């Protein structure tokens, strides 16, 4: 006969909380100083085991999702290597945190990114626009974004990441017609 309900899965943080509660209960029920130290040592050992199990489970999960590969070395050590899929995932996290750094003194030039990415690349187009916005660009028109600070390297990185080089142009301009409004938006 099959169980109707399975045991709830308890994560490493919950395991640590339960261990601390158990330790507090055990310490409260004992009156022997020797027993106190034995309980504290046991809590420390179990704490490390929980961390080791959590690390093992995380590595196993990354391996199953093919984000890392495992190589056994001749000396008995194991090396973890990022797969190509894993490298793309890491870059995705980094690209989502990309920010354009302000210049010490603004050179009074505007950096304009124009793009016309085809409809069959809609996901790349939407993601490209989202990353520009998250990096601090202001939408000037539907496919035109503006920023006052030097950002050519960052824009090139975003273009290469989404593989949209033929559809994107980068312009440096001395003035734009609504400059006062833009200065206000960028606090210049």
C-alpha atoms as a PDB file:
ATOM      1  CA  UNK A   1       0.000   0.000   0.000  1.00  0.00           C
ATOM      2  CA  UNK A   2       1.325   3.422  -0.994  1.00  0.00           C
ATOM      3  CA  UNK A   3       1.547   6.291   1.447  1.00  0.00           C
ATOM      4  CA  UNK A   4      -0.881   9.043   0.665  1.00  0.00           C
ATOM      5  CA  UNK A   5       1.319  11.813   1.953  1.00  0.00           C
ATOM      6  CA  UNK A   6       5.079  11.922   1.736  1.00  0.00           C
ATOM      7  CA  UNK A   7       7.337  13.488   4.286  1.00  0.00           C
ATOM      8  CA  UNK A   8       7.858  17.203   3.615  1.00  0.00           C
ATOM      9  CA  UNK A   9      11.240  18.020   2.137  1.00  0.00           C
ATOM     10  CA  UNK A  10      13.205  20.065   4.628  1.00  0.00           C
ATOM     11  CA  UNK A  11      15.876  22.342   3.196  1.00  0.00           C
ATOM     12  CA  UNK A  12      19.244  23.091   4.795  1.00  0.00           C
ATOM     13  CA  UNK A  13      18.074  26.273   6.516  1.00  0.00           C
ATOM     14  CA  UNK A  14      15.084  24.505   8.077  1.00  0.00           C
ATOM     15  CA  UNK A  15      17.378  21.662   9.144  1.00  0.00           C
ATOM     16  CA  UNK A  16      19.662  24.165  10.883  1.00  0.00           C
ATOM     17  CA  UNK A  17      16.706  25.801  12.672  1.00  0.00           C
ATOM     18  CA  UNK A  18      15.474  22.406  13.852  1.00  0.00           C
ATOM     19  CA  UNK A  19      18.990  21.488  15.015  1.00  0.00           C
ATOM     20  CA  UNK A  20      19.258  24.736  17.006  1.00  0.00           C
ATOM     21  CA  UNK A  21      15.829  24.161  18.579  1.00  0.00           C
ATOM     22  CA  UNK A  22      16.779  20.600  19.482  1.00  0.00           C
ATOM     23  CA  UNK A  23      20.098  21.840  20.910  1.00  0.00           C
ATOM     24  CA  UNK A  24      18.313  24.465  23.008  1.00  0.00           C
ATOM     25  CA  UNK A  25      15.885  21.865  24.323  1.00  0.00           C
ATOM     26  CA  UNK A  26      18.699  19.401  25.111  1.00  0.00           C
ATOM     27  CA  UNK A  27      20.766  22.097  26.840  1.00  0.00           C
ATOM     28  CA  UNK A  28      17.730  23.158  28.879  1.00  0.00           C
ATOM     29  CA  UNK A  29      17.083  19.627  30.103  1.00  0.00           C
ATOM     30  CA  UNK A  30      20.629  18.817  31.219  1.00  0.00           C
ATOM     31  CA  UNK A  31      22.370  20.070  34.341  1.00  0.00           C
ATOM     32  CA  UNK A  32      25.814  18.579  33.758  1.00  0.00           C
ATOM     33  CA  UNK A  33      28.537  20.937  32.400  1.00  0.00           C
ATOM     34  CA  UNK A  34      30.212  17.972  30.672  1.00  0.00           C
ATOM     35  CA  UNK A  35      26.944  17.162  28.938  1.00  0.00           C
ATOM     36  CA  UNK A  36      26.631  20.844  27.856  1.00  0.00           C
ATOM     37  CA  UNK A  37      29.960  20.681  26.005  1.00  0.00           C
ATOM     38  CA  UNK A  38      29.124  17.306  24.474  1.00  0.00           C
ATOM     39  CA  UNK A  39      25.829  18.693  23.104  1.00  0.00           C
ATOM     40  CA  UNK A  40      27.545  21.830  21.740  1.00  0.00           C
ATOM     41  CA  UNK A  41      30.225  19.725  19.985  1.00  0.00           C
ATOM     42  CA  UNK A  42      27.525  17.494  18.515  1.00  0.00           C
ATOM     43  CA  UNK A  43      25.578  20.557  17.246  1.00  0.00           C
ATOM     44  CA  UNK A  44      28.748  21.885  15.546  1.00  0.00           C
ATOM     45  CA  UNK A  45      29.382  18.531  13.862  1.00  0.00           C
ATOM     46  CA  UNK A  46      25.779  18.213  12.631  1.00  0.00           C
ATOM     47  CA  UNK A  47      25.853  21.848  11.415  1.00  0.00           C
ATOM     48  CA  UNK A  48      28.833  21.030   9.179  1.00  0.00           C
ATOM     49  CA  UNK A  49      27.101  17.860   7.919  1.00  0.00           C
ATOM     50  CA  UNK A  50      24.012  19.885   6.925  1.00  0.00           C
ATOM     51  CA  UNK A  51      26.212  22.342   5.001  1.00  0.00           C
ATOM     52  CA  UNK A  52      28.055  19.475   3.287  1.00  0.00           C
ATOM     53  CA  UNK A  53      24.780  17.771   2.293  1.00  0.00           C
ATOM     54  CA  UNK A  54      23.345  21.053   0.980  1.00  0.00           C
ATOM     55  CA  UNK A  55      26.495  21.629  -1.100  1.00  0.00           C
ATOM     56  CA  UNK A  56      26.387  18.050  -2.412  1.00  0.00           C
ATOM     57  CA  UNK A  57      22.690  18.415  -3.363  1.00  0.00           C
ATOM     58  CA  UNK A  58      23.347  21.766  -5.090  1.00  0.00           C
ATOM     59  CA  UNK A  59      26.226  20.271  -7.119  1.00  0.00           C
ATOM     60  CA  UNK A  60      24.094  17.236  -8.012  1.00  0.00           C
ATOM     61  CA  UNK A  61      21.281  19.523  -9.184  1.00  0.00           C
ATOM     62  CA  UNK A  62      23.666  21.627 -11.321  1.00  0.00           C
ATOM     63  CA  UNK A  63      25.107  18.440 -12.837  1.00  0.00           C
ATOM     64  CA  UNK A  64      21.630  17.091 -13.677  1.00  0.00           C
ATOM     65  CA  UNK A  65      20.683  20.372 -15.344  1.00  0.00           C
ATOM     66  CA  UNK A  66      23.909  20.152 -17.395  1.00  0.00           C
ATOM     67  CA  UNK A  67      25.232  23.506 -16.150  1.00  0.00           C
ATOM     68  CA  UNK A  68      28.419  21.908 -14.797  1.00  0.00           C
ATOM     69  CA  UNK A  69      30.489  18.877 -15.658  1.00  0.00           C
ATOM     70  CA  UNK A  70      32.493  16.763 -13.231  1.00  0.00           C
ATOM     71  CA  UNK A  71      36.030  15.543 -13.973  1.00  0.00           C
ATOM     72  CA  UNK A  72      37.828  13.070 -11.709  1.00  0.00           C
ATOM     73  CA  UNK A  73      41.554  13.826 -11.447  1.00  0.00           C
ATOM     74  CA  UNK A  74      44.312  11.192 -11.141  1.00  0.00           C
ATOM     75  CA  UNK A  75      45.158  12.415  -7.622  1.00  0.00           C
ATOM     76  CA  UNK A  76      41.613  11.574  -6.452  1.00  0.00           C
ATOM     77  CA  UNK A  77      40.324  15.167  -6.429  1.00  0.00           C
ATOM     78  CA  UNK A  78      37.240  16.166  -8.390  1.00  0.00           C
ATOM     79  CA  UNK A  79      37.091  19.255 -10.606  1.00  0.00           C
ATOM     80  CA  UNK A  80      33.849  21.052 -11.436  1.00  0.00           C
ATOM     81  CA  UNK A  81      33.759  22.723 -14.871  1.00  0.00           C
ATOM     82  CA  UNK A  82      31.138  25.085 -16.296  1.00  0.00           C
ATOM     83  CA  UNK A  83      29.584  23.705 -19.476  1.00  0.00           C
ATOM     84  CA  UNK A  84      28.762  26.014 -22.406  1.00  0.00           C
ATOM     85  CA  UNK A  85      25.175  26.063 -21.162  1.00  0.00           C
ATOM     86  CA  UNK A  86      26.446  26.996 -17.690  1.00  0.00           C
ATOM     87  CA  UNK A  87      28.601  29.805 -19.091  1.00  0.00           C
ATOM     88  CA  UNK A  88      25.575  31.264 -20.877  1.00  0.00           C
ATOM     89  CA  UNK A  89      23.585  31.098 -17.646  1.00  0.00           C
ATOM     90  CA  UNK A  90      26.343  32.949 -15.752  1.00  0.00           C
ATOM     91  CA  UNK A  91      26.498  35.603 -18.482  1.00  0.00           C
ATOM     92  CA  UNK A  92      22.719  35.966 -18.261  1.00  0.00           C
ATOM     93  CA  UNK A  93      22.991  36.720 -14.555  1.00  0.00           C
ATOM     94  CA  UNK A  94      25.791  39.208 -15.202  1.00  0.00           C
ATOM     95  CA  UNK A  95      23.987  40.927 -18.062  1.00  0.00           C
ATOM     96  CA  UNK A  96      20.908  41.441 -15.868  1.00  0.00           C
ATOM     97  CA  UNK A  97      23.095  43.321 -13.366  1.00  0.00           C
ATOM     98  CA  UNK A  98      24.833  45.503 -15.973  1.00  0.00           C
ATOM     99  CA  UNK A  99      24.820  49.232 -15.120  1.00  0.00           C
ATOM    100  CA  UNK A 100      26.411  52.153 -16.961  1.00  0.00           C
ATOM    101  CA  UNK A 101      28.839  53.907 -14.641  1.00  0.00           C
ATOM    102  CA  UNK A 102      28.608  57.705 -14.452  1.00  0.00           C
ATOM    103  CA  UNK A 103      31.538  59.770 -15.685  1.00  0.00           C
ATOM    104  CA  UNK A 104      33.365  62.041 -13.238  1.00  0.00           C
ATOM    105  CA  UNK A 105      32.666  64.969 -15.540  1.00  0.00           C
ATOM    106  CA  UNK A 106      30.049  64.641 -18.248  1.00  0.00           C
ATOM    107  CA  UNK A 107      31.459  65.302 -21.737  1.00  0.00           C
ATOM    108  CA  UNK A 108      28.095  66.742 -22.928  1.00  0.00           C
ATOM    109  CA  UNK A 109      27.634  63.974 -25.514  1.00  0.00           C
ATOM    110  CA  UNK A 110      24.695  61.641 -25.886  1.00  0.00           C
ATOM    111  CA  UNK A 111      25.054  57.943 -26.638  1.00  0.00           C
ATOM    112  CA  UNK A 112      22.184  56.699 -28.763  1.00  0.00           C
ATOM    113  CA  UNK A 113      21.395  53.057 -29.489  1.00  0.00           C
ATOM    114  CA  UNK A 114      19.098  52.465 -32.471  1.00  0.00           C
ATOM    115  CA  UNK A 115      17.881  49.016 -33.437  1.00  0.00           C
ATOM    116  CA  UNK A 116      15.607  47.346 -35.943  1.00  0.00           C
ATOM    117  CA  UNK A 117      15.650  43.696 -34.919  1.00  0.00           C
ATOM    118  CA  UNK A 118      13.356  41.548 -37.124  1.00  0.00           C
ATOM    119  CA  UNK A 119      10.091  40.065 -35.884  1.00  0.00           C
ATOM    120  CA  UNK A 120      11.441  36.503 -36.082  1.00  0.00           C
ATOM    121  CA  UNK A 121      13.935  37.543 -33.358  1.00  0.00           C
ATOM    122  CA  UNK A 122      11.255  39.060 -31.100  1.00  0.00           C
ATOM    123  CA  UNK A 123      12.547  37.439 -27.910  1.00  0.00           C
ATOM    124  CA  UNK A 124      16.073  38.762 -28.520  1.00  0.00           C
ATOM    125  CA  UNK A 125      14.659  42.198 -29.396  1.00  0.00           C
ATOM    126  CA  UNK A 126      12.570  42.380 -26.210  1.00  0.00           C
ATOM    127  CA  UNK A 127      15.436  41.127 -24.053  1.00  0.00           C
ATOM    128  CA  UNK A 128      17.860  43.593 -25.706  1.00  0.00           C
ATOM    129  CA  UNK A 129      15.521  46.512 -24.908  1.00  0.00           C
ATOM    130  CA  UNK A 130      14.990  45.243 -21.341  1.00  0.00           C
ATOM    131  CA  UNK A 131      18.744  45.029 -20.682  1.00  0.00           C
ATOM    132  CA  UNK A 132      19.301  48.547 -22.047  1.00  0.00           C
ATOM    133  CA  UNK A 133      16.560  49.878 -19.782  1.00  0.00           C
ATOM    134  CA  UNK A 134      17.913  48.002 -16.738  1.00  0.00           C
ATOM    135  CA  UNK A 135      21.415  49.349 -17.493  1.00  0.00           C
ATOM    136  CA  UNK A 136      20.094  52.907 -17.155  1.00  0.00           C
ATOM    137  CA  UNK A 137      19.187  53.898 -20.718  1.00  0.00           C
ATOM    138  CA  UNK A 138      16.080  55.997 -21.302  1.00  0.00           C
ATOM    139  CA  UNK A 139      13.702  55.061 -24.104  1.00  0.00           C
ATOM    140  CA  UNK A 140      13.728  57.921 -26.624  1.00  0.00           C
ATOM    141  CA  UNK A 141      11.431  56.214 -29.119  1.00  0.00           C
ATOM    142  CA  UNK A 142      10.248  52.630 -29.650  1.00  0.00           C
ATOM    143  CA  UNK A 143      13.638  51.268 -30.776  1.00  0.00           C
ATOM    144  CA  UNK A 144      15.869  54.155 -29.714  1.00  0.00           C
ATOM    145  CA  UNK A 145      17.544  54.426 -26.314  1.00  0.00           C
ATOM    146  CA  UNK A 146      19.706  57.271 -24.949  1.00  0.00           C
ATOM    147  CA  UNK A 147      22.380  57.563 -22.264  1.00  0.00           C
ATOM    148  CA  UNK A 148      24.716  60.473 -21.447  1.00  0.00           C
ATOM    149  CA  UNK A 149      27.756  58.482 -20.275  1.00  0.00           C
ATOM    150  CA  UNK A 150      30.391  56.451 -22.117  1.00  0.00           C
ATOM    151  CA  UNK A 151      28.949  52.984 -22.707  1.00  0.00           C
ATOM    152  CA  UNK A 152      30.275  51.674 -26.043  1.00  0.00           C
ATOM    153  CA  UNK A 153      31.891  48.603 -24.456  1.00  0.00           C
ATOM    154  CA  UNK A 154      28.746  47.707 -22.525  1.00  0.00           C
ATOM    155  CA  UNK A 155      26.550  48.140 -25.613  1.00  0.00           C
ATOM    156  CA  UNK A 156      28.945  45.992 -27.678  1.00  0.00           C
ATOM    157  CA  UNK A 157      28.751  43.292 -24.991  1.00  0.00           C
ATOM    158  CA  UNK A 158      24.931  43.363 -25.046  1.00  0.00           C
ATOM    159  CA  UNK A 159      24.907  43.255 -28.873  1.00  0.00           C
ATOM    160  CA  UNK A 160      27.228  40.233 -28.930  1.00  0.00           C
ATOM    161  CA  UNK A 161      25.354  38.492 -26.132  1.00  0.00           C
ATOM    162  CA  UNK A 162      22.081  38.610 -28.083  1.00  0.00           C
ATOM    163  CA  UNK A 163      23.813  38.159 -31.452  1.00  0.00           C
ATOM    164  CA  UNK A 164      22.095  41.186 -33.036  1.00  0.00           C
ATOM    165  CA  UNK A 165      25.088  43.065 -34.504  1.00  0.00           C
ATOM    166  CA  UNK A 166      23.574  43.598 -38.014  1.00  0.00           C
ATOM    167  CA  UNK A 167      20.465  45.238 -36.560  1.00  0.00           C
ATOM    168  CA  UNK A 168      21.944  47.717 -34.048  1.00  0.00           C
ATOM    169  CA  UNK A 169      23.632  51.103 -34.510  1.00  0.00           C
ATOM    170  CA  UNK A 170      25.475  53.162 -31.911  1.00  0.00           C
ATOM    171  CA  UNK A 171      25.674  56.951 -32.326  1.00  0.00           C
ATOM    172  CA  UNK A 172      27.451  59.606 -30.284  1.00  0.00           C
ATOM    173  CA  UNK A 173      25.706  62.976 -30.640  1.00  0.00           C
ATOM    174  CA  UNK A 174      26.599  66.460 -29.436  1.00  0.00           C
ATOM    175  CA  UNK A 175      22.977  67.481 -28.948  1.00  0.00           C
ATOM    176  CA  UNK A 176      19.433  66.186 -29.070  1.00  0.00           C
ATOM    177  CA  UNK A 177      16.300  68.259 -29.506  1.00  0.00           C
ATOM    178  CA  UNK A 178      14.813  67.580 -26.041  1.00  0.00           C
ATOM    179  CA  UNK A 179      18.106  67.890 -24.187  1.00  0.00           C
ATOM    180  CA  UNK A 180      16.646  69.790 -21.215  1.00  0.00           C
ATOM    181  CA  UNK A 181      14.143  67.011 -20.581  1.00  0.00           C
ATOM    182  CA  UNK A 182      16.851  64.348 -20.901  1.00  0.00           C
ATOM    183  CA  UNK A 183      19.200  66.207 -18.571  1.00  0.00           C
ATOM    184  CA  UNK A 184      16.414  66.318 -16.005  1.00  0.00           C
ATOM    185  CA  UNK A 185      15.790  62.557 -16.335  1.00  0.00           C
ATOM    186  CA  UNK A 186      19.511  61.814 -15.827  1.00  0.00           C
ATOM    187  CA  UNK A 187      19.961  64.440 -13.070  1.00  0.00           C
ATOM    188  CA  UNK A 188      22.600  66.353 -15.061  1.00  0.00           C
END
